[in-house]
N, C-alpha and C. Protein backbone atom coordinates (compact mmCIF):
# COMPACT_ATOMS: atom_id res chain seq x y z
N MET A 1 -4.89 -11.35 9.35
CA MET A 1 -4.72 -11.14 7.80
C MET A 1 -3.61 -12.11 7.43
N ARG A 2 -3.90 -13.09 6.46
CA ARG A 2 -3.01 -14.07 6.04
C ARG A 2 -2.54 -13.70 4.67
N LYS A 3 -1.26 -14.31 4.36
CA LYS A 3 -0.66 -14.06 3.28
C LYS A 3 -1.59 -14.59 2.02
N SER A 4 -2.44 -15.51 2.12
CA SER A 4 -3.46 -15.91 1.13
C SER A 4 -4.45 -14.84 0.90
N VAL A 5 -4.78 -14.07 1.91
CA VAL A 5 -5.69 -13.04 1.75
C VAL A 5 -5.11 -11.79 0.91
N LEU A 6 -3.80 -11.55 1.17
CA LEU A 6 -3.01 -10.62 0.57
C LEU A 6 -2.80 -10.96 -1.01
N MET A 7 -2.68 -12.31 -1.21
CA MET A 7 -2.54 -12.75 -2.66
C MET A 7 -3.94 -12.59 -3.30
N LEU A 8 -5.06 -12.84 -2.71
CA LEU A 8 -6.32 -12.65 -3.23
C LEU A 8 -6.63 -11.11 -3.69
N ILE A 9 -6.13 -10.30 -2.72
CA ILE A 9 -6.22 -8.93 -2.98
C ILE A 9 -5.55 -8.53 -4.20
N VAL A 10 -4.28 -8.92 -4.46
CA VAL A 10 -3.38 -8.68 -5.62
C VAL A 10 -4.28 -9.24 -6.84
N LEU A 11 -4.71 -10.44 -6.80
CA LEU A 11 -5.43 -11.04 -7.87
C LEU A 11 -6.69 -10.26 -8.19
N CYS A 12 -7.41 -9.91 -7.28
CA CYS A 12 -8.73 -9.09 -7.37
C CYS A 12 -8.37 -7.75 -7.96
N GLY A 13 -7.33 -7.21 -7.61
CA GLY A 13 -6.79 -5.96 -8.15
C GLY A 13 -6.59 -6.22 -9.62
N GLY A 14 -5.87 -7.10 -9.95
CA GLY A 14 -5.53 -7.44 -11.34
C GLY A 14 -6.75 -7.52 -12.27
N LEU A 15 -7.75 -8.41 -11.72
CA LEU A 15 -9.12 -8.61 -12.34
C LEU A 15 -9.87 -7.33 -12.65
N LEU A 16 -9.82 -6.49 -11.57
CA LEU A 16 -10.46 -5.22 -11.73
C LEU A 16 -9.88 -4.25 -12.63
N PHE A 17 -8.42 -4.43 -12.73
CA PHE A 17 -7.78 -3.65 -13.69
C PHE A 17 -8.18 -4.00 -15.13
N LEU A 18 -8.45 -5.16 -15.35
CA LEU A 18 -8.71 -5.60 -16.70
C LEU A 18 -10.04 -5.10 -17.25
N SER A 19 -10.95 -4.89 -16.16
CA SER A 19 -12.45 -4.40 -16.41
C SER A 19 -12.50 -2.95 -16.20
N CYS A 20 -11.67 -2.10 -15.87
CA CYS A 20 -11.97 -0.74 -15.45
C CYS A 20 -11.80 0.18 -16.73
N LYS A 21 -12.57 1.26 -16.67
CA LYS A 21 -12.45 2.24 -17.69
C LYS A 21 -11.24 3.23 -17.27
N GLN A 22 -10.71 4.02 -18.21
CA GLN A 22 -9.81 5.03 -17.99
C GLN A 22 -10.52 6.11 -17.27
N THR A 23 -9.69 6.60 -16.20
CA THR A 23 -10.21 7.77 -15.41
C THR A 23 -9.25 8.88 -15.52
N ALA A 24 -9.64 9.99 -15.05
CA ALA A 24 -8.60 11.11 -15.13
C ALA A 24 -8.78 11.96 -13.60
N THR A 25 -8.71 10.93 -12.59
CA THR A 25 -8.91 11.61 -11.20
C THR A 25 -7.52 12.24 -10.72
N PRO A 26 -7.63 13.37 -10.35
CA PRO A 26 -6.30 13.83 -9.83
C PRO A 26 -6.02 13.40 -8.46
N HIS A 27 -4.84 13.09 -8.14
CA HIS A 27 -4.47 12.67 -6.81
C HIS A 27 -3.63 13.64 -6.11
N ALA A 28 -3.57 13.74 -4.87
CA ALA A 28 -2.83 14.77 -4.20
C ALA A 28 -2.48 14.09 -2.76
N ARG A 29 -1.23 14.35 -2.25
CA ARG A 29 -0.74 13.85 -0.89
C ARG A 29 -1.51 14.84 0.16
N PRO A 30 -1.89 14.27 1.16
CA PRO A 30 -2.50 15.08 2.29
C PRO A 30 -1.43 16.17 2.53
N ALA A 31 -1.97 17.38 2.87
CA ALA A 31 -1.13 18.45 3.19
C ALA A 31 -0.61 18.43 4.52
N GLY A 32 0.41 19.22 4.79
CA GLY A 32 0.98 19.20 6.11
C GLY A 32 2.44 18.93 6.12
N PRO A 33 2.99 19.07 7.31
CA PRO A 33 4.45 18.70 7.35
C PRO A 33 4.77 17.18 7.25
N PRO A 34 5.90 16.81 6.95
CA PRO A 34 6.19 15.38 7.06
C PRO A 34 5.79 14.70 8.25
N LYS A 35 5.36 13.34 8.29
CA LYS A 35 5.07 12.87 9.43
C LYS A 35 6.18 11.78 9.97
N SER A 36 6.19 11.33 11.10
CA SER A 36 7.26 10.24 11.54
C SER A 36 6.93 9.10 10.54
N ASP A 37 7.93 8.25 10.35
CA ASP A 37 7.84 6.94 9.48
C ASP A 37 6.52 6.24 9.94
N VAL A 38 6.48 6.22 11.30
CA VAL A 38 5.58 5.30 11.89
C VAL A 38 4.13 5.72 11.66
N ASP A 39 3.93 7.04 11.79
CA ASP A 39 2.56 7.75 11.56
C ASP A 39 2.32 7.63 10.01
N PHE A 40 3.29 7.80 9.18
CA PHE A 40 3.13 7.72 7.73
C PHE A 40 2.67 6.42 7.35
N ALA A 41 3.35 5.34 7.76
CA ALA A 41 2.99 3.86 7.47
C ALA A 41 1.55 3.65 7.97
N LYS A 42 1.08 4.10 9.18
CA LYS A 42 -0.10 3.94 9.60
C LYS A 42 -1.13 4.71 8.80
N GLN A 43 -0.90 5.88 8.33
CA GLN A 43 -1.79 6.65 7.57
C GLN A 43 -1.96 5.95 6.26
N VAL A 44 -0.90 5.51 5.45
CA VAL A 44 -0.91 4.88 4.31
C VAL A 44 -1.77 3.66 4.38
N PHE A 45 -1.61 2.79 5.29
CA PHE A 45 -2.28 1.67 5.47
C PHE A 45 -3.77 1.90 5.70
N GLN A 46 -4.26 2.80 6.49
CA GLN A 46 -5.56 3.20 6.77
C GLN A 46 -6.25 3.83 5.40
N MET A 47 -5.52 4.51 4.60
CA MET A 47 -5.91 4.93 3.37
C MET A 47 -6.13 3.80 2.28
N MET A 48 -5.32 2.80 2.38
CA MET A 48 -5.33 1.70 1.44
C MET A 48 -6.62 1.07 2.06
N ALA A 49 -6.80 0.72 3.24
CA ALA A 49 -8.01 -0.05 3.73
C ALA A 49 -9.25 0.64 3.35
N ASP A 50 -9.38 1.95 3.60
CA ASP A 50 -10.43 2.78 3.13
C ASP A 50 -10.66 2.92 1.61
N GLY A 51 -9.77 2.59 0.74
CA GLY A 51 -9.91 2.78 -0.64
C GLY A 51 -9.78 4.24 -0.96
N ASP A 52 -8.96 4.96 -0.19
CA ASP A 52 -8.73 6.47 -0.50
C ASP A 52 -7.83 6.52 -1.63
N ILE A 53 -8.30 6.96 -2.63
CA ILE A 53 -7.40 6.92 -4.01
C ILE A 53 -6.24 7.87 -3.79
N ASN A 54 -6.21 8.95 -2.80
CA ASN A 54 -5.07 9.74 -2.74
C ASN A 54 -3.95 9.20 -2.13
N VAL A 55 -3.99 7.77 -1.81
CA VAL A 55 -2.81 6.96 -1.32
C VAL A 55 -1.93 6.69 -2.52
N VAL A 56 -2.28 6.78 -3.71
CA VAL A 56 -1.61 6.42 -4.83
C VAL A 56 -0.23 7.26 -4.76
N ASP A 57 -0.14 8.43 -4.35
CA ASP A 57 0.89 9.22 -4.51
C ASP A 57 1.92 9.10 -3.30
N MET A 58 1.59 8.00 -2.44
CA MET A 58 2.29 7.79 -1.13
C MET A 58 2.94 6.34 -1.19
N LEU A 59 2.57 5.65 -2.32
CA LEU A 59 3.26 4.25 -2.54
C LEU A 59 4.21 4.29 -3.66
N ASP A 60 5.30 3.65 -3.55
CA ASP A 60 6.52 3.62 -4.50
C ASP A 60 6.26 2.53 -5.50
N TRP A 61 5.32 2.86 -6.58
CA TRP A 61 4.80 1.83 -7.44
C TRP A 61 5.93 1.21 -8.17
N GLU A 62 6.91 1.79 -8.46
CA GLU A 62 8.18 1.13 -9.12
C GLU A 62 8.72 0.07 -8.40
N SER A 63 8.71 0.03 -7.12
CA SER A 63 9.24 -1.02 -6.43
C SER A 63 8.40 -1.63 -5.43
N LEU A 64 7.07 -1.56 -5.53
CA LEU A 64 6.23 -1.90 -4.44
C LEU A 64 6.06 -3.39 -4.47
N LYS A 65 6.13 -4.00 -3.19
CA LYS A 65 6.03 -5.46 -3.00
C LYS A 65 5.15 -5.67 -1.85
N ILE A 66 4.14 -6.42 -2.07
CA ILE A 66 3.21 -6.70 -0.94
C ILE A 66 3.08 -8.23 -0.74
N ALA A 67 3.34 -8.63 0.43
CA ALA A 67 3.31 -10.08 0.77
C ALA A 67 4.16 -10.94 -0.16
N GLY A 68 5.28 -10.51 -0.42
CA GLY A 68 6.23 -11.11 -1.47
C GLY A 68 6.05 -10.98 -2.86
N MET A 69 4.83 -10.36 -3.25
CA MET A 69 4.35 -10.31 -4.63
C MET A 69 4.96 -8.97 -5.16
N ASP A 70 5.53 -9.02 -6.28
CA ASP A 70 6.07 -7.86 -6.96
C ASP A 70 5.14 -7.04 -7.69
N ILE A 71 4.47 -6.21 -7.07
CA ILE A 71 3.43 -5.30 -7.77
C ILE A 71 4.32 -4.30 -8.76
N GLY A 72 5.45 -3.91 -8.27
CA GLY A 72 6.14 -3.00 -8.99
C GLY A 72 6.45 -3.40 -10.45
N ALA A 73 6.82 -4.89 -10.53
CA ALA A 73 7.10 -5.46 -11.84
C ALA A 73 5.93 -5.39 -12.66
N GLN A 74 4.79 -5.57 -12.13
CA GLN A 74 3.37 -5.52 -13.00
C GLN A 74 3.38 -4.08 -13.40
N TYR A 75 3.45 -3.14 -12.43
CA TYR A 75 3.22 -1.76 -12.73
C TYR A 75 4.09 -1.28 -13.92
N LYS A 76 5.49 -1.76 -13.83
CA LYS A 76 6.40 -1.31 -14.68
C LYS A 76 6.08 -1.90 -16.20
N ASN A 77 5.27 -2.95 -16.38
CA ASN A 77 4.95 -3.68 -17.53
C ASN A 77 3.83 -2.72 -18.31
N VAL A 78 3.15 -1.86 -17.58
CA VAL A 78 2.11 -1.11 -18.18
C VAL A 78 2.79 0.09 -18.98
N SER A 79 2.28 0.07 -20.11
CA SER A 79 2.96 1.14 -21.04
C SER A 79 2.69 2.60 -20.95
N SER A 80 1.42 2.93 -20.68
CA SER A 80 1.07 4.32 -20.89
C SER A 80 0.66 4.90 -19.41
N ASP A 81 0.93 6.28 -19.26
CA ASP A 81 0.48 6.96 -17.95
C ASP A 81 -0.96 6.64 -17.58
N SER A 82 -1.76 6.80 -18.57
CA SER A 82 -3.30 6.64 -18.12
C SER A 82 -3.56 5.16 -17.89
N THR A 83 -2.84 4.21 -18.50
CA THR A 83 -3.13 2.85 -18.15
C THR A 83 -2.46 2.56 -16.68
N ARG A 84 -1.45 3.15 -16.46
CA ARG A 84 -0.85 3.00 -15.06
C ARG A 84 -1.73 3.56 -14.00
N GLU A 85 -2.27 4.75 -14.16
CA GLU A 85 -3.36 5.43 -13.37
C GLU A 85 -4.47 4.34 -13.08
N THR A 86 -4.86 3.69 -14.19
CA THR A 86 -6.09 2.91 -14.10
C THR A 86 -5.49 1.62 -13.16
N PHE A 87 -4.37 1.24 -13.40
CA PHE A 87 -3.84 0.11 -12.79
C PHE A 87 -3.73 0.33 -11.12
N GLN A 88 -3.22 1.69 -10.80
CA GLN A 88 -3.10 2.04 -9.55
C GLN A 88 -4.55 2.01 -8.78
N GLU A 89 -5.53 2.73 -9.43
CA GLU A 89 -6.79 2.89 -8.88
C GLU A 89 -7.61 1.45 -8.73
N SER A 90 -7.27 0.72 -9.70
CA SER A 90 -7.98 -0.69 -9.79
C SER A 90 -7.43 -1.54 -8.60
N PHE A 91 -6.13 -1.45 -8.53
CA PHE A 91 -5.41 -2.29 -7.38
C PHE A 91 -5.84 -1.77 -6.01
N LEU A 92 -5.93 -0.55 -5.91
CA LEU A 92 -6.40 0.05 -4.50
C LEU A 92 -7.77 -0.26 -4.27
N ARG A 93 -8.72 -0.25 -5.17
CA ARG A 93 -10.16 -0.57 -5.01
C ARG A 93 -10.22 -2.10 -4.63
N GLY A 94 -9.50 -2.85 -5.38
CA GLY A 94 -9.57 -4.35 -4.95
C GLY A 94 -8.86 -4.63 -3.61
N TYR A 95 -7.96 -3.85 -3.34
CA TYR A 95 -7.27 -4.04 -2.00
C TYR A 95 -8.19 -3.84 -0.90
N SER A 96 -8.80 -2.58 -1.07
CA SER A 96 -9.65 -2.04 -0.02
C SER A 96 -10.93 -3.08 0.06
N LYS A 97 -11.50 -3.38 -1.09
CA LYS A 97 -12.63 -4.40 -0.95
C LYS A 97 -12.28 -5.67 -0.27
N SER A 98 -11.22 -6.39 -0.68
CA SER A 98 -10.77 -7.56 -0.03
C SER A 98 -10.41 -7.35 1.45
N PHE A 99 -9.68 -6.26 1.78
CA PHE A 99 -9.42 -6.07 3.15
C PHE A 99 -10.72 -5.86 4.10
N GLN A 100 -11.65 -5.21 3.53
CA GLN A 100 -12.93 -4.85 4.38
C GLN A 100 -13.72 -6.27 4.39
N SER A 101 -13.75 -7.03 3.22
CA SER A 101 -14.61 -8.11 3.20
C SER A 101 -13.98 -9.26 4.03
N SER A 102 -12.70 -9.26 4.25
CA SER A 102 -12.15 -10.30 5.21
C SER A 102 -12.13 -9.91 6.68
N GLY A 103 -12.76 -8.69 6.95
CA GLY A 103 -12.91 -8.32 8.32
C GLY A 103 -11.79 -7.57 8.78
N GLY A 104 -10.84 -7.09 7.94
CA GLY A 104 -9.71 -6.36 8.32
C GLY A 104 -10.07 -5.00 9.10
N ASN A 105 -9.35 -4.68 9.89
CA ASN A 105 -9.55 -3.40 10.81
C ASN A 105 -8.28 -2.94 11.17
N VAL A 106 -7.85 -1.73 10.65
CA VAL A 106 -6.68 -1.16 11.00
C VAL A 106 -6.50 -0.74 12.39
N SER A 107 -7.65 -0.33 12.95
CA SER A 107 -7.73 0.10 14.35
C SER A 107 -7.40 -1.12 15.40
N ALA A 108 -7.52 -2.33 14.80
CA ALA A 108 -7.27 -3.47 15.75
C ALA A 108 -5.83 -3.73 15.75
N MET A 109 -5.04 -2.99 14.86
CA MET A 109 -3.50 -3.32 14.83
C MET A 109 -2.87 -2.58 16.10
N THR A 110 -1.99 -3.18 16.71
CA THR A 110 -1.47 -2.53 17.95
C THR A 110 0.16 -2.48 17.92
N ASN A 111 0.66 -1.65 18.86
CA ASN A 111 2.16 -1.59 18.97
C ASN A 111 2.78 -1.13 17.74
N TRP A 112 2.37 0.04 17.15
CA TRP A 112 3.02 0.56 15.82
C TRP A 112 4.48 1.08 16.43
N ARG A 113 5.55 0.69 15.62
CA ARG A 113 6.87 1.05 16.10
C ARG A 113 7.67 1.05 15.04
N GLU A 114 8.90 1.73 15.23
CA GLU A 114 10.09 1.70 14.27
C GLU A 114 10.80 0.48 14.66
N GLN A 115 10.84 -0.52 13.51
CA GLN A 115 11.62 -1.76 14.08
C GLN A 115 13.17 -1.59 13.63
N SER A 116 13.48 -0.98 12.51
CA SER A 116 14.70 -0.61 12.24
C SER A 116 14.89 0.60 11.19
N LYS A 117 16.09 1.11 11.14
CA LYS A 117 16.27 2.21 10.32
C LYS A 117 17.67 2.23 9.64
N ASP A 118 17.81 2.44 8.37
CA ASP A 118 19.14 2.58 7.89
C ASP A 118 18.96 3.60 6.71
N PRO A 119 20.18 3.94 5.95
CA PRO A 119 20.08 4.96 4.91
C PRO A 119 18.99 4.62 3.77
N SER A 120 18.64 3.22 3.56
CA SER A 120 17.84 2.84 2.51
C SER A 120 16.25 3.10 2.99
N GLY A 121 16.11 3.21 4.24
CA GLY A 121 14.64 3.35 4.67
C GLY A 121 14.38 2.78 5.99
N THR A 122 13.05 2.98 6.62
CA THR A 122 12.69 2.57 7.90
C THR A 122 11.75 1.46 7.69
N VAL A 123 11.89 0.52 8.60
CA VAL A 123 10.87 -0.68 8.67
C VAL A 123 10.06 -0.36 10.00
N VAL A 124 8.79 -0.24 9.64
CA VAL A 124 7.83 0.09 10.59
C VAL A 124 6.94 -1.35 10.77
N ALA A 125 6.79 -1.62 12.15
CA ALA A 125 6.11 -2.80 12.40
C ALA A 125 4.94 -2.61 13.24
N SER A 126 3.94 -3.39 13.07
CA SER A 126 2.64 -3.39 13.89
C SER A 126 2.24 -4.75 14.22
N ASN A 127 1.55 -5.00 15.35
CA ASN A 127 1.04 -6.31 15.60
C ASN A 127 -0.35 -6.47 15.12
N LEU A 128 -0.64 -7.73 14.46
CA LEU A 128 -1.94 -7.94 14.06
C LEU A 128 -2.79 -8.71 15.20
N PRO A 129 -4.03 -8.76 15.20
CA PRO A 129 -4.84 -9.43 16.16
C PRO A 129 -4.55 -10.91 16.23
N ASN A 130 -3.99 -11.65 15.06
CA ASN A 130 -3.78 -12.99 15.05
C ASN A 130 -2.54 -13.29 15.60
N GLY A 131 -1.76 -12.37 15.98
CA GLY A 131 -0.14 -12.60 16.63
C GLY A 131 0.81 -12.49 15.50
N GLN A 132 0.47 -12.20 14.28
CA GLN A 132 1.39 -11.83 13.27
C GLN A 132 1.84 -10.49 13.33
N THR A 133 2.92 -10.13 12.64
CA THR A 133 3.46 -8.68 12.57
C THR A 133 3.30 -8.39 11.14
N ILE A 134 2.69 -7.18 10.91
CA ILE A 134 2.94 -6.51 9.54
C ILE A 134 4.00 -5.70 9.48
N LEU A 135 4.88 -5.63 8.27
CA LEU A 135 6.02 -4.84 8.26
C LEU A 135 5.89 -3.85 7.01
N PHE A 136 6.20 -2.54 7.23
CA PHE A 136 6.18 -1.62 6.26
C PHE A 136 7.55 -1.00 6.00
N THR A 137 7.92 -0.88 4.77
CA THR A 137 9.19 -0.03 4.40
C THR A 137 8.91 1.23 3.94
N VAL A 138 9.39 2.12 4.68
CA VAL A 138 9.09 3.71 4.37
C VAL A 138 10.50 4.10 3.76
N THR A 139 10.50 4.55 2.51
CA THR A 139 11.64 5.16 1.94
C THR A 139 11.45 6.65 1.62
N ASN A 140 12.50 7.37 1.39
CA ASN A 140 12.40 8.80 1.01
C ASN A 140 13.10 8.98 -0.41
N LYS A 141 12.23 9.69 -1.12
CA LYS A 141 12.77 10.02 -2.58
C LYS A 141 12.44 11.54 -2.89
N ASN A 142 13.43 12.32 -3.08
CA ASN A 142 13.17 13.88 -3.42
C ASN A 142 12.48 14.45 -2.26
N GLY A 143 12.90 13.97 -1.09
CA GLY A 143 12.30 14.73 0.10
C GLY A 143 10.86 14.23 0.47
N LEU A 144 10.27 13.20 -0.24
CA LEU A 144 9.08 12.66 0.08
C LEU A 144 9.09 11.29 0.63
N GLN A 145 8.17 10.96 1.47
CA GLN A 145 7.98 9.62 2.10
C GLN A 145 7.17 8.67 1.12
N TYR A 146 7.47 7.36 0.95
CA TYR A 146 6.77 6.47 0.30
C TYR A 146 6.87 5.16 1.08
N VAL A 147 5.73 4.38 0.86
CA VAL A 147 5.89 2.97 1.31
C VAL A 147 6.05 2.17 0.08
N SER A 148 7.25 1.16 0.28
CA SER A 148 7.67 0.54 -0.90
C SER A 148 7.45 -1.03 -0.63
N THR A 149 7.10 -1.47 0.63
CA THR A 149 6.93 -2.89 0.82
C THR A 149 5.94 -3.02 2.06
N ILE A 150 5.09 -4.06 2.01
CA ILE A 150 4.23 -4.40 3.01
C ILE A 150 4.33 -5.93 3.06
N ASP A 151 4.73 -6.38 4.22
CA ASP A 151 4.97 -7.82 4.47
C ASP A 151 4.37 -8.29 5.72
N VAL A 152 3.86 -9.66 5.74
CA VAL A 152 3.53 -10.11 7.08
C VAL A 152 4.35 -11.29 7.51
N LYS A 153 4.68 -11.26 8.80
CA LYS A 153 5.67 -12.30 9.27
C LYS A 153 4.87 -12.84 10.54
């Protein structure tokens, strides 16, 4: 997975956003006790890759950054709740479609681990088949885990 693929994902998500109809799909976090930050990051990424819309409640949309692109800034510019929901769903559909069409495979990612941890969050790392490392920042707000950053190094 390259940075250019992630940029394409974001652009596709934006294009889908412009052409989508408003929906009223309820979202819910998967039930159960909190997961380790490593397991949470892996679950979020798998759900994003699968296009599982329930992942919207597991992403910190206000500060979300993917491959250096500030998705949170785009999200904050959306004025109404219904339009924000459409933005989220369109972004995730575009991300999933691009990930799958590029041959992405979450199960091919190896060595999921906690790279660092401090009061602001945990950085979870995983090795990609091409030798790069993908990094996820997992933060906690009001007792809930969120992914706020996904980057490739």
